[in-house]
PDB file of N, CA and C in Angstrom:
ATOM      1  N   MET A   1       0.871  -1.131  -0.039  1.00  0.00           N
ATOM      2  CA  MET A   1      -0.012   0.005  -0.025  1.00  0.00           C
ATOM      3  C   MET A   1       0.870   1.219  -0.019  1.00  0.00           C
ATOM      4  N   THR A   2       0.631   2.120  -0.842  1.00  0.00           N
ATOM      5  CA  THR A   2       1.391   3.370  -0.993  1.00  0.00           C
ATOM      6  C   THR A   2       0.945   4.431  -0.014  1.00  0.00           C
ATOM      7  N   VAL A   3      -0.380   4.509   0.220  1.00  0.00           N
ATOM      8  CA  VAL A   3      -0.906   5.573   1.089  1.00  0.00           C
ATOM      9  C   VAL A   3      -1.725   4.884   2.153  1.00  0.00           C
ATOM     10  N   LYS A   4      -1.456   5.248   3.394  1.00  0.00           N
ATOM     11  CA  LYS A   4      -2.198   4.714   4.521  1.00  0.00           C
ATOM     12  C   LYS A   4      -3.091   5.912   5.053  1.00  0.00           C
ATOM     13  N   TYR A   5      -4.317   5.572   5.328  1.00  0.00           N
ATOM     14  CA  TYR A   5      -5.313   6.514   5.750  1.00  0.00           C
ATOM     15  C   TYR A   5      -5.830   6.117   7.149  1.00  0.00           C
ATOM     16  N   ILE A   6      -5.843   7.028   8.116  1.00  0.00           N
ATOM     17  CA  ILE A   6      -6.432   6.868   9.428  1.00  0.00           C
ATOM     18  C   ILE A   6      -7.285   8.139   9.756  1.00  0.00           C
ATOM     19  N   GLU A   7      -8.429   7.907  10.210  1.00  0.00           N
ATOM     20  CA  GLU A   7      -9.185   9.073  10.727  1.00  0.00           C
ATOM     21  C   GLU A   7      -9.658   8.898  12.160  1.00  0.00           C
ATOM     22  N   ASP A   8      -9.755  10.032  12.840  1.00  0.00           N
ATOM     23  CA  ASP A   8     -10.143  10.044  14.269  1.00  0.00           C
ATOM     24  C   ASP A   8     -11.224  11.046  14.402  1.00  0.00           C
ATOM     25  N   ALA A   9     -12.488  10.520  14.600  1.00  0.00           N
ATOM     26  CA  ALA A   9     -13.613  11.471  14.759  1.00  0.00           C
ATOM     27  C   ALA A   9     -13.534  12.283  15.980  1.00  0.00           C
ATOM     28  N   ASP A  10     -12.958  11.733  17.065  1.00  0.00           N
ATOM     29  CA  ASP A  10     -12.916  12.473  18.348  1.00  0.00           C
ATOM     30  C   ASP A  10     -12.103  13.763  18.217  1.00  0.00           C
ATOM     31  N   THR A  11     -10.995  13.750  17.509  1.00  0.00           N
ATOM     32  CA  THR A  11     -10.159  14.911  17.266  1.00  0.00           C
ATOM     33  C   THR A  11     -10.419  15.537  15.885  1.00  0.00           C
ATOM     34  N   LYS A  12     -11.300  14.956  15.042  1.00  0.00           N
ATOM     35  CA  LYS A  12     -11.558  15.467  13.754  1.00  0.00           C
ATOM     36  C   LYS A  12     -10.290  15.568  12.899  1.00  0.00           C
ATOM     37  N   THR A  13      -9.451  14.510  13.020  1.00  0.00           N
ATOM     38  CA  THR A  13      -8.174  14.468  12.301  1.00  0.00           C
ATOM     39  C   THR A  13      -8.107  13.323  11.311  1.00  0.00           C
ATOM     40  N   VAL A  14      -7.434  13.588  10.147  1.00  0.00           N
ATOM     41  CA  VAL A  14      -7.071  12.592   9.273  1.00  0.00           C
ATOM     42  C   VAL A  14      -5.557  12.577   9.178  1.00  0.00           C
ATOM     43  N   GLU A  15      -4.996  11.313   9.222  1.00  0.00           N
ATOM     44  CA  GLU A  15      -3.556  11.150   9.085  1.00  0.00           C
ATOM     45  C   GLU A  15      -3.315  10.327   7.833  1.00  0.00           C
ATOM     46  N   LEU A  16      -2.521  10.899   6.884  1.00  0.00           N
ATOM     47  CA  LEU A  16      -2.149  10.197   5.678  1.00  0.00           C
ATOM     48  C   LEU A  16      -0.677   9.884   5.730  1.00  0.00           C
ATOM     49  N   THR A  17      -0.328   8.640   5.440  1.00  0.00           N
ATOM     50  CA  THR A  17       1.099   8.382   5.361  1.00  0.00           C
ATOM     51  C   THR A  17       1.435   7.949   3.864  1.00  0.00           C
ATOM     52  N   VAL A  18       2.305   8.580   3.192  1.00  0.00           N
ATOM     53  CA  VAL A  18       2.740   8.308   1.869  1.00  0.00           C
ATOM     54  C   VAL A  18       4.045   7.629   1.795  1.00  0.00           C
ATOM     55  N   SER A  19       4.171   6.503   1.107  1.00  0.00           N
ATOM     56  CA  SER A  19       5.401   5.832   0.919  1.00  0.00           C
ATOM     57  C   SER A  19       5.468   5.321  -0.472  1.00  0.00           C
ATOM     58  N   GLY A  20       6.179   5.976  -1.362  1.00  0.00           N
ATOM     59  CA  GLY A  20       6.264   5.481  -2.745  1.00  0.00           C
ATOM     60  C   GLY A  20       5.489   6.342  -3.742  1.00  0.00           C
ATOM     61  N   LYS A  21       4.938   5.772  -4.742  1.00  0.00           N
ATOM     62  CA  LYS A  21       4.253   6.460  -5.784  1.00  0.00           C
ATOM     63  C   LYS A  21       2.742   6.483  -5.487  1.00  0.00           C
ATOM     64  N   VAL A  22       2.081   7.640  -5.584  1.00  0.00           N
ATOM     65  CA  VAL A  22       0.660   7.716  -5.389  1.00  0.00           C
ATOM     66  C   VAL A  22      -0.043   7.377  -6.662  1.00  0.00           C
ATOM     67  N   THR A  23      -0.878   6.327  -6.665  1.00  0.00           N
ATOM     68  CA  THR A  23      -1.548   5.881  -7.792  1.00  0.00           C
ATOM     69  C   THR A  23      -2.989   6.346  -7.804  1.00  0.00           C
ATOM     70  N   ARG A  24      -3.635   6.221  -8.931  1.00  0.00           N
ATOM     71  CA  ARG A  24      -5.029   6.566  -9.033  1.00  0.00           C
ATOM     72  C   ARG A  24      -5.918   5.667  -8.140  1.00  0.00           C
ATOM     73  N   GLU A  25      -5.488   4.443  -7.957  1.00  0.00           N
ATOM     74  CA  GLU A  25      -6.193   3.519  -7.059  1.00  0.00           C
ATOM     75  C   GLU A  25      -6.108   4.011  -5.612  1.00  0.00           C
ATOM     76  N   ASP A  26      -4.887   4.507  -5.226  1.00  0.00           N
ATOM     77  CA  ASP A  26      -4.735   5.108  -3.934  1.00  0.00           C
ATOM     78  C   ASP A  26      -5.671   6.271  -3.715  1.00  0.00           C
ATOM     79  N   TYR A  27      -5.670   7.217  -4.662  1.00  0.00           N
ATOM     80  CA  TYR A  27      -6.478   8.423  -4.636  1.00  0.00           C
ATOM     81  C   TYR A  27      -7.929   8.035  -4.478  1.00  0.00           C
ATOM     82  N   ASP A  28      -8.401   7.178  -5.369  1.00  0.00           N
ATOM     83  CA  ASP A  28      -9.835   6.825  -5.342  1.00  0.00           C
ATOM     84  C   ASP A  28     -10.236   6.197  -3.996  1.00  0.00           C
ATOM     85  N   ARG A  29      -9.355   5.424  -3.483  1.00  0.00           N
ATOM     86  CA  ARG A  29      -9.720   4.712  -2.261  1.00  0.00           C
ATOM     87  C   ARG A  29      -9.801   5.681  -1.103  1.00  0.00           C
ATOM     88  N   ILE A  30      -8.976   6.710  -1.123  1.00  0.00           N
ATOM     89  CA  ILE A  30      -8.925   7.630   0.035  1.00  0.00           C
ATOM     90  C   ILE A  30      -9.851   8.873  -0.176  1.00  0.00           C
ATOM     91  N   ALA A  31      -9.977   9.396  -1.343  1.00  0.00           N
ATOM     92  CA  ALA A  31     -10.756  10.650  -1.555  1.00  0.00           C
ATOM     93  C   ALA A  31     -12.210  10.528  -1.117  1.00  0.00           C
ATOM     94  N   ASP A  32     -12.829   9.423  -1.458  1.00  0.00           N
ATOM     95  CA  ASP A  32     -14.226   9.235  -1.024  1.00  0.00           C
ATOM     96  C   ASP A  32     -14.327   9.189   0.495  1.00  0.00           C
ATOM     97  N   ARG A  33     -13.472   8.408   1.144  1.00  0.00           N
ATOM     98  CA  ARG A  33     -13.438   8.291   2.578  1.00  0.00           C
ATOM     99  C   ARG A  33     -13.223   9.700   3.254  1.00  0.00           C
ATOM    100  N   MET A  34     -12.253  10.456   2.698  1.00  0.00           N
ATOM    101  CA  MET A  34     -11.975  11.748   3.332  1.00  0.00           C
ATOM    102  C   MET A  34     -13.137  12.721   3.045  1.00  0.00           C
ATOM    103  N   GLN A  35     -13.730  12.647   1.906  1.00  0.00           N
ATOM    104  CA  GLN A  35     -14.923  13.482   1.612  1.00  0.00           C
ATOM    105  C   GLN A  35     -16.013  13.270   2.558  1.00  0.00           C
ATOM    106  N   SER A  36     -16.310  11.960   2.834  1.00  0.00           N
ATOM    107  CA  SER A  36     -17.339  11.614   3.762  1.00  0.00           C
ATOM    108  C   SER A  36     -17.002  12.043   5.177  1.00  0.00           C
ATOM    109  N   PHE A  37     -15.709  12.052   5.579  1.00  0.00           N
ATOM    110  CA  PHE A  37     -15.237  12.492   6.868  1.00  0.00           C
ATOM    111  C   PHE A  37     -15.417  14.004   6.980  1.00  0.00           C
ATOM    112  N   ILE A  38     -15.065  14.702   5.980  1.00  0.00           N
ATOM    113  CA  ILE A  38     -15.219  16.165   5.964  1.00  0.00           C
ATOM    114  C   ILE A  38     -16.680  16.468   6.020  1.00  0.00           C
ATOM    115  N   ASP A  39     -17.476  15.849   5.239  1.00  0.00           N
ATOM    116  CA  ASP A  39     -18.940  16.153   5.209  1.00  0.00           C
ATOM    117  C   ASP A  39     -19.545  15.879   6.608  1.00  0.00           C
ATOM    118  N   ALA A  40     -19.165  14.805   7.294  1.00  0.00           N
ATOM    119  CA  ALA A  40     -19.646  14.573   8.639  1.00  0.00           C
ATOM    120  C   ALA A  40     -19.144  15.437   9.685  1.00  0.00           C
ATOM    121  N   GLN A  41     -17.898  15.875   9.598  1.00  0.00           N
ATOM    122  CA  GLN A  41     -17.249  16.660  10.663  1.00  0.00           C
ATOM    123  C   GLN A  41     -17.350  18.226  10.401  1.00  0.00           C
ATOM    124  N   GLY A  42     -17.492  18.638   9.234  1.00  0.00           N
ATOM    125  CA  GLY A  42     -17.581  19.993   8.957  1.00  0.00           C
ATOM    126  C   GLY A  42     -16.166  20.626   8.739  1.00  0.00           C
ATOM    127  N   THR A  43     -15.343  20.658   9.764  1.00  0.00           N
ATOM    128  CA  THR A  43     -14.014  21.145   9.611  1.00  0.00           C
ATOM    129  C   THR A  43     -13.134  20.055  10.223  1.00  0.00           C
ATOM    130  N   VAL A  44     -11.990  19.812   9.558  1.00  0.00           N
ATOM    131  CA  VAL A  44     -11.079  18.703  10.010  1.00  0.00           C
ATOM    132  C   VAL A  44      -9.704  19.272  10.010  1.00  0.00           C
ATOM    133  N   LYS A  45      -8.747  18.463  10.597  1.00  0.00           N
ATOM    134  CA  LYS A  45      -7.316  18.726  10.615  1.00  0.00           C
ATOM    135  C   LYS A  45      -6.627  17.590   9.920  1.00  0.00           C
ATOM    136  N   LEU A  46      -5.440  17.895   9.325  1.00  0.00           N
ATOM    137  CA  LEU A  46      -4.772  16.864   8.492  1.00  0.00           C
ATOM    138  C   LEU A  46      -3.303  16.818   8.940  1.00  0.00           C
ATOM    139  N   ILE A  47      -2.830  15.550   9.014  1.00  0.00           N
ATOM    140  CA  ILE A  47      -1.400  15.238   9.269  1.00  0.00           C
ATOM    141  C   ILE A  47      -1.014  14.449   8.008  1.00  0.00           C
ATOM    142  N   GLU A  48      -0.036  15.048   7.274  1.00  0.00           N
ATOM    143  CA  GLU A  48       0.498  14.296   6.107  1.00  0.00           C
ATOM    144  C   GLU A  48       1.952  13.885   6.412  1.00  0.00           C
ATOM    145  N   VAL A  49       2.081  12.574   6.510  1.00  0.00           N
ATOM    146  CA  VAL A  49       3.414  11.979   6.745  1.00  0.00           C
ATOM    147  C   VAL A  49       3.987  11.481   5.395  1.00  0.00           C
ATOM    148  N   ILE A  50       5.017  12.050   4.952  1.00  0.00           N
ATOM    149  CA  ILE A  50       5.649  11.678   3.630  1.00  0.00           C
ATOM    150  C   ILE A  50       6.955  10.988   3.902  1.00  0.00           C
ATOM    151  N   GLU A  51       6.909   9.635   3.975  1.00  0.00           N
ATOM    152  CA  GLU A  51       8.120   8.884   4.210  1.00  0.00           C
ATOM    153  C   GLU A  51       8.996   8.865   2.981  1.00  0.00           C
ATOM    154  N   SER A  52       8.387   8.638   1.880  1.00  0.00           N
ATOM    155  CA  SER A  52       9.035   8.726   0.524  1.00  0.00           C
ATOM    156  C   SER A  52       8.065   9.082  -0.519  1.00  0.00           C
ATOM    157  N   LEU A  53       8.454   9.676  -1.547  1.00  0.00           N
ATOM    158  CA  LEU A  53       7.567  10.076  -2.564  1.00  0.00           C
ATOM    159  C   LEU A  53       8.245   9.869  -3.933  1.00  0.00           C
ATOM    160  N   ASP A  54       7.689   8.912  -4.691  1.00  0.00           N
ATOM    161  CA  ASP A  54       8.202   8.638  -6.010  1.00  0.00           C
ATOM    162  C   ASP A  54       7.270   9.159  -7.142  1.00  0.00           C
ATOM    163  N   GLY A  55       6.523  10.213  -6.752  1.00  0.00           N
ATOM    164  CA  GLY A  55       5.643  10.898  -7.663  1.00  0.00           C
ATOM    165  C   GLY A  55       4.204  10.454  -7.603  1.00  0.00           C
ATOM    166  N   PHE A  56       3.452  10.951  -8.554  1.00  0.00           N
ATOM    167  CA  PHE A  56       2.046  10.718  -8.717  1.00  0.00           C
ATOM    168  C   PHE A  56       1.681  10.255 -10.086  1.00  0.00           C
ATOM    169  N   GLU A  57       0.696   9.340 -10.220  1.00  0.00           N
ATOM    170  CA  GLU A  57       0.246   9.024 -11.570  1.00  0.00           C
ATOM    171  C   GLU A  57      -0.429  10.296 -12.121  1.00  0.00           C
ATOM    172  N   PRO A  58      -0.234  10.615 -13.359  1.00  0.00           N
ATOM    173  CA  PRO A  58      -0.826  11.845 -13.947  1.00  0.00           C
ATOM    174  C   PRO A  58      -2.392  11.895 -13.713  1.00  0.00           C
ATOM    175  N   SER A  59      -3.048  10.768 -13.645  1.00  0.00           N
ATOM    176  CA  SER A  59      -4.482  10.746 -13.540  1.00  0.00           C
ATOM    177  C   SER A  59      -5.006  11.219 -12.176  1.00  0.00           C
ATOM    178  N   VAL A  60      -4.028  11.420 -11.240  1.00  0.00           N
ATOM    179  CA  VAL A  60      -4.414  11.875  -9.873  1.00  0.00           C
ATOM    180  C   VAL A  60      -4.447  13.412  -9.829  1.00  0.00           C
ATOM    181  N   ILE A  61      -3.682  14.078 -10.665  1.00  0.00           N
ATOM    182  CA  ILE A  61      -3.486  15.503 -10.541  1.00  0.00           C
ATOM    183  C   ILE A  61      -4.731  16.324 -10.586  1.00  0.00           C
ATOM    184  N   TRP A  62      -5.513  16.187 -11.690  1.00  0.00           N
ATOM    185  CA  TRP A  62      -6.705  16.970 -11.817  1.00  0.00           C
ATOM    186  C   TRP A  62      -7.832  16.679 -10.737  1.00  0.00           C
ATOM    187  N   PRO A  63      -8.133  15.449 -10.481  1.00  0.00           N
ATOM    188  CA  PRO A  63      -9.052  15.167  -9.395  1.00  0.00           C
ATOM    189  C   PRO A  63      -8.569  15.686  -8.008  1.00  0.00           C
ATOM    190  N   GLY A  64      -7.256  15.573  -7.801  1.00  0.00           N
ATOM    191  CA  GLY A  64      -6.708  16.118  -6.550  1.00  0.00           C
ATOM    192  C   GLY A  64      -6.837  17.629  -6.400  1.00  0.00           C
ATOM    193  N   ILE A  65      -6.665  18.330  -7.521  1.00  0.00           N
ATOM    194  CA  ILE A  65      -6.834  19.772  -7.497  1.00  0.00           C
ATOM    195  C   ILE A  65      -8.286  20.139  -7.259  1.00  0.00           C
ATOM    196  N   LYS A  66      -9.214  19.452  -7.846  1.00  0.00           N
ATOM    197  CA  LYS A  66     -10.662  19.684  -7.700  1.00  0.00           C
ATOM    198  C   LYS A  66     -11.018  19.419  -6.155  1.00  0.00           C
ATOM    199  N   PHE A  67     -10.531  18.269  -5.651  1.00  0.00           N
ATOM    200  CA  PHE A  67     -10.743  17.941  -4.271  1.00  0.00           C
ATOM    201  C   PHE A  67     -10.272  19.081  -3.321  1.00  0.00           C
ATOM    202  N   ASP A  68      -9.059  19.492  -3.546  1.00  0.00           N
ATOM    203  CA  ASP A  68      -8.478  20.556  -2.713  1.00  0.00           C
ATOM    204  C   ASP A  68      -9.243  21.831  -2.805  1.00  0.00           C
ATOM    205  N   PHE A  69      -9.663  22.189  -3.991  1.00  0.00           N
ATOM    206  CA  PHE A  69     -10.427  23.495  -4.211  1.00  0.00           C
ATOM    207  C   PHE A  69     -11.779  23.426  -3.450  1.00  0.00           C
ATOM    208  N   ARG A  70     -12.379  22.291  -3.548  1.00  0.00           N
ATOM    209  CA  ARG A  70     -13.729  22.094  -2.902  1.00  0.00           C
ATOM    210  C   ARG A  70     -13.534  22.009  -1.332  1.00  0.00           C
ATOM    211  N   ASN A  71     -12.485  21.514  -0.879  1.00  0.00           N
ATOM    212  CA  ASN A  71     -12.411  21.163   0.581  1.00  0.00           C
ATOM    213  C   ASN A  71     -11.431  21.990   1.387  1.00  0.00           C
ATOM    214  N   LEU A  72     -10.521  22.757   0.810  1.00  0.00           N
ATOM    215  CA  LEU A  72      -9.555  23.413   1.533  1.00  0.00           C
ATOM    216  C   LEU A  72     -10.101  24.283   2.690  1.00  0.00           C
ATOM    217  N   ARG A  73     -11.209  24.891   2.429  1.00  0.00           N
ATOM    218  CA  ARG A  73     -11.820  25.815   3.478  1.00  0.00           C
ATOM    219  C   ARG A  73     -12.260  24.970   4.668  1.00  0.00           C
ATOM    220  N   HIS A  74     -12.427  23.609   4.468  1.00  0.00           N
ATOM    221  CA  HIS A  74     -12.851  22.755   5.626  1.00  0.00           C
ATOM    222  C   HIS A  74     -11.722  22.097   6.380  1.00  0.00           C
ATOM    223  N   ILE A  75     -10.505  22.420   6.018  1.00  0.00           N
ATOM    224  CA  ILE A  75      -9.315  21.925   6.711  1.00  0.00           C
ATOM    225  C   ILE A  75      -8.637  23.110   7.467  1.00  0.00           C
ATOM    226  N   SER A  76      -8.711  23.041   8.746  1.00  0.00           N
ATOM    227  CA  SER A  76      -8.236  24.231   9.593  1.00  0.00           C
ATOM    228  C   SER A  76      -6.720  24.194   9.747  1.00  0.00           C
ATOM    229  N   HIS A  77      -6.146  22.946  10.016  1.00  0.00           N
ATOM    230  CA  HIS A  77      -4.717  22.831  10.313  1.00  0.00           C
ATOM    231  C   HIS A  77      -4.097  21.676   9.478  1.00  0.00           C
ATOM    232  N   VAL A  78      -2.907  21.921   8.972  1.00  0.00           N
ATOM    233  CA  VAL A  78      -2.178  20.855   8.295  1.00  0.00           C
ATOM    234  C   VAL A  78      -0.780  20.803   8.855  1.00  0.00           C
ATOM    235  N   ALA A  79      -0.371  19.527   9.263  1.00  0.00           N
ATOM    236  CA  ALA A  79       1.007  19.284   9.634  1.00  0.00           C
ATOM    237  C   ALA A  79       1.614  18.390   8.576  1.00  0.00           C
ATOM    238  N   VAL A  80       2.683  18.882   7.929  1.00  0.00           N
ATOM    239  CA  VAL A  80       3.386  18.164   6.918  1.00  0.00           C
ATOM    240  C   VAL A  80       4.679  17.629   7.540  1.00  0.00           C
ATOM    241  N   VAL A  81       4.792  16.316   7.502  1.00  0.00           N
ATOM    242  CA  VAL A  81       5.890  15.646   8.234  1.00  0.00           C
ATOM    243  C   VAL A  81       6.766  14.858   7.240  1.00  0.00           C
ATOM    244  N   SER A  82       8.038  15.300   7.039  1.00  0.00           N
ATOM    245  CA  SER A  82       8.870  14.584   6.087  1.00  0.00           C
ATOM    246  C   SER A  82      10.329  14.946   6.315  1.00  0.00           C
ATOM    247  N   ASP A  83      11.214  14.073   5.868  1.00  0.00           N
ATOM    248  CA  ASP A  83      12.635  14.336   5.825  1.00  0.00           C
ATOM    249  C   ASP A  83      13.109  14.628   4.403  1.00  0.00           C
ATOM    250  N   ILE A  84      12.161  14.631   3.462  1.00  0.00           N
ATOM    251  CA  ILE A  84      12.531  15.006   2.086  1.00  0.00           C
ATOM    252  C   ILE A  84      12.718  16.443   1.960  1.00  0.00           C
ATOM    253  N   GLY A  85      13.978  16.864   1.598  1.00  0.00           N
ATOM    254  CA  GLY A  85      14.394  18.276   1.669  1.00  0.00           C
ATOM    255  C   GLY A  85      13.502  19.283   1.030  1.00  0.00           C
ATOM    256  N   TRP A  86      12.923  19.025  -0.125  1.00  0.00           N
ATOM    257  CA  TRP A  86      12.171  20.078  -0.812  1.00  0.00           C
ATOM    258  C   TRP A  86      10.686  20.100  -0.361  1.00  0.00           C
ATOM    259  N   ILE A  87      10.186  19.123   0.406  1.00  0.00           N
ATOM    260  CA  ILE A  87       8.780  19.095   0.843  1.00  0.00           C
ATOM    261  C   ILE A  87       8.454  20.279   1.761  1.00  0.00           C
ATOM    262  N   GLY A  88       9.340  20.556   2.784  1.00  0.00           N
ATOM    263  CA  GLY A  88       9.023  21.626   3.668  1.00  0.00           C
ATOM    264  C   GLY A  88       8.921  22.981   2.990  1.00  0.00           C
ATOM    265  N   PRO A  89       9.902  23.460   2.187  1.00  0.00           N
ATOM    266  CA  PRO A  89       9.769  24.700   1.487  1.00  0.00           C
ATOM    267  C   PRO A  89       8.532  24.841   0.570  1.00  0.00           C
ATOM    268  N   VAL A  90       8.290  23.750  -0.147  1.00  0.00           N
ATOM    269  CA  VAL A  90       7.135  23.800  -1.089  1.00  0.00           C
ATOM    270  C   VAL A  90       5.815  23.859  -0.248  1.00  0.00           C
ATOM    271  N   SER A  91       5.788  23.106   0.820  1.00  0.00           N
ATOM    272  CA  SER A  91       4.567  23.109   1.674  1.00  0.00           C
ATOM    273  C   SER A  91       4.365  24.527   2.263  1.00  0.00           C
ATOM    274  N   LYS A  92       5.422  25.135   2.741  1.00  0.00           N
ATOM    275  CA  LYS A  92       5.318  26.477   3.310  1.00  0.00           C
ATOM    276  C   LYS A  92       4.866  27.506   2.267  1.00  0.00           C
ATOM    277  N   ALA A  93       5.431  27.399   1.104  1.00  0.00           N
ATOM    278  CA  ALA A  93       5.049  28.297  -0.003  1.00  0.00           C
ATOM    279  C   ALA A  93       3.576  28.161  -0.278  1.00  0.00           C
ATOM    280  N   ALA A  94       3.107  26.922  -0.421  1.00  0.00           N
ATOM    281  CA  ALA A  94       1.646  26.698  -0.641  1.00  0.00           C
ATOM    282  C   ALA A  94       0.800  27.162   0.507  1.00  0.00           C
ATOM    283  N   GLY A  95       1.284  26.945   1.755  1.00  0.00           N
ATOM    284  CA  GLY A  95       0.551  27.433   2.928  1.00  0.00           C
ATOM    285  C   GLY A  95       0.434  28.872   3.061  1.00  0.00           C
ATOM    286  N   ALA A  96       1.384  29.598   2.422  1.00  0.00           N
ATOM    287  CA  ALA A  96       1.248  31.126   2.473  1.00  0.00           C
ATOM    288  C   ALA A  96       0.053  31.590   1.612  1.00  0.00           C
ATOM    289  N   LEU A  97      -0.401  30.746   0.717  1.00  0.00           N
ATOM    290  CA  LEU A  97      -1.530  31.148  -0.172  1.00  0.00           C
ATOM    291  C   LEU A  97      -2.855  30.660   0.306  1.00  0.00           C
ATOM    292  N   MET A  98      -2.871  29.982   1.525  1.00  0.00           N
ATOM    293  CA  MET A  98      -4.093  29.368   2.075  1.00  0.00           C
ATOM    294  C   MET A  98      -4.383  29.996   3.448  1.00  0.00           C
ATOM    295  N   SER A  99      -5.672  29.892   3.720  1.00  0.00           N
ATOM    296  CA  SER A  99      -6.094  30.304   5.104  1.00  0.00           C
ATOM    297  C   SER A  99      -5.850  29.204   6.127  1.00  0.00           C
ATOM    298  N   THR A 100      -5.588  28.019   5.706  1.00  0.00           N
ATOM    299  CA  THR A 100      -5.270  26.885   6.580  1.00  0.00           C
ATOM    300  C   THR A 100      -3.956  27.113   7.335  1.00  0.00           C
ATOM    301  N   LYS A 101      -3.925  26.844   8.591  1.00  0.00           N
ATOM    302  CA  LYS A 101      -2.685  26.917   9.330  1.00  0.00           C
ATOM    303  C   LYS A 101      -1.845  25.698   8.996  1.00  0.00           C
ATOM    304  N   LEU A 102      -0.540  26.005   8.639  1.00  0.00           N
ATOM    305  CA  LEU A 102       0.264  24.905   8.204  1.00  0.00           C
ATOM    306  C   LEU A 102       1.625  24.963   8.927  1.00  0.00           C
ATOM    307  N   ARG A 103       2.125  23.851   9.359  1.00  0.00           N
ATOM    308  CA  ARG A 103       3.461  23.704   9.945  1.00  0.00           C
ATOM    309  C   ARG A 103       4.057  22.485   9.380  1.00  0.00           C
ATOM    310  N   THR A 104       5.426  22.529   9.261  1.00  0.00           N
ATOM    311  CA  THR A 104       6.199  21.396   8.722  1.00  0.00           C
ATOM    312  C   THR A 104       7.075  20.830   9.890  1.00  0.00           C
ATOM    313  N   TYR A 105       7.300  19.524   9.813  1.00  0.00           N
ATOM    314  CA  TYR A 105       8.062  18.808  10.850  1.00  0.00           C
ATOM    315  C   TYR A 105       8.958  17.797  10.174  1.00  0.00           C
ATOM    316  N   ASP A 106       9.990  17.400  10.856  1.00  0.00           N
ATOM    317  CA  ASP A 106      10.876  16.283  10.404  1.00  0.00           C
ATOM    318  C   ASP A 106      10.143  14.976  10.846  1.00  0.00           C
ATOM    319  N   LEU A 107      10.506  13.856  10.295  1.00  0.00           N
ATOM    320  CA  LEU A 107       9.824  12.517  10.676  1.00  0.00           C
ATOM    321  C   LEU A 107      10.119  12.265  12.121  1.00  0.00           C
ATOM    322  N   ALA A 108      11.259  12.676  12.701  1.00  0.00           N
ATOM    323  CA  ALA A 108      11.544  12.441  14.118  1.00  0.00           C
ATOM    324  C   ALA A 108      10.607  13.246  15.052  1.00  0.00           C
ATOM    325  N   ASP A 109       9.932  14.243  14.488  1.00  0.00           N
ATOM    326  CA  ASP A 109       9.057  15.079  15.253  1.00  0.00           C
ATOM    327  C   ASP A 109       7.549  14.780  15.011  1.00  0.00           C
ATOM    328  N   LEU A 110       7.266  13.589  14.528  1.00  0.00           N
ATOM    329  CA  LEU A 110       5.890  13.215  14.201  1.00  0.00           C
ATOM    330  C   LEU A 110       4.977  13.367  15.485  1.00  0.00           C
ATOM    331  N   ASP A 111       5.463  13.000  16.631  1.00  0.00           N
ATOM    332  CA  ASP A 111       4.658  13.183  17.801  1.00  0.00           C
ATOM    333  C   ASP A 111       4.366  14.654  18.097  1.00  0.00           C
ATOM    334  N   ALA A 112       5.265  15.532  17.887  1.00  0.00           N
ATOM    335  CA  ALA A 112       5.095  16.960  18.083  1.00  0.00           C
ATOM    336  C   ALA A 112       4.071  17.477  17.032  1.00  0.00           C
ATOM    337  N   ALA A 113       4.052  16.944  15.857  1.00  0.00           N
ATOM    338  CA  ALA A 113       3.066  17.340  14.830  1.00  0.00           C
ATOM    339  C   ALA A 113       1.681  16.825  15.247  1.00  0.00           C
ATOM    340  N   ARG A 114       1.578  15.673  15.765  1.00  0.00           N
ATOM    341  CA  ARG A 114       0.347  15.138  16.251  1.00  0.00           C
ATOM    342  C   ARG A 114      -0.206  16.017  17.463  1.00  0.00           C
ATOM    343  N   GLU A 115       0.725  16.401  18.293  1.00  0.00           N
ATOM    344  CA  GLU A 115       0.275  17.196  19.483  1.00  0.00           C
ATOM    345  C   GLU A 115      -0.172  18.570  19.045  1.00  0.00           C
ATOM    346  N   TRP A 116       0.511  19.186  18.060  1.00  0.00           N
ATOM    347  CA  TRP A 116       0.053  20.493  17.596  1.00  0.00           C
ATOM    348  C   TRP A 116      -1.350  20.452  16.961  1.00  0.00           C
ATOM    349  N   VAL A 117      -1.529  19.423  16.134  1.00  0.00           N
ATOM    350  CA  VAL A 117      -2.846  19.284  15.505  1.00  0.00           C
ATOM    351  C   VAL A 117      -3.939  18.929  16.542  1.00  0.00           C
ATOM    352  N   ALA A 118      -3.630  18.099  17.523  1.00  0.00           N
ATOM    353  CA  ALA A 118      -4.601  17.721  18.539  1.00  0.00           C
ATOM    354  C   ALA A 118      -4.952  18.977  19.411  1.00  0.00           C
ATOM    355  N   ALA A 119      -4.014  19.804  19.645  1.00  0.00           N
ATOM    356  CA  ALA A 119      -4.245  21.039  20.514  1.00  0.00           C
ATOM    357  C   ALA A 119      -5.069  22.124  19.733  1.00  0.00           C
ATOM    358  N   ALA A 120      -5.087  22.040  18.494  1.00  0.00           N
ATOM    359  CA  ALA A 120      -5.737  23.092  17.693  1.00  0.00           C
ATOM    360  C   ALA A 120      -7.251  23.091  17.853  1.00  0.00           C
TER     361      ALA A 120
END
């Protein structure tokens, strides 16, 4: 499995862990679950753990953009957790354009990311 999905209704949090290449099958499996979670919770928080990233299948890009456009206002906090050098700066640049509160963390600081999101 390339993408692992965990949701916690008590904290209104979704945690995604990416390892490898994100396929259309991964996207389809997760997008409907996350949409249902957002619809049920109203506003959610997100932890994105990126252990490794070998890219995305091209068929994921447009549906992903539409999902983000529709749901970004319903995601209050995002913690991006990765040791991949370019992930942090790209995430911060994207975060500057959004109303969502975003922080980046190293993989060793995953617990701190979870604490920040839980306290929000």
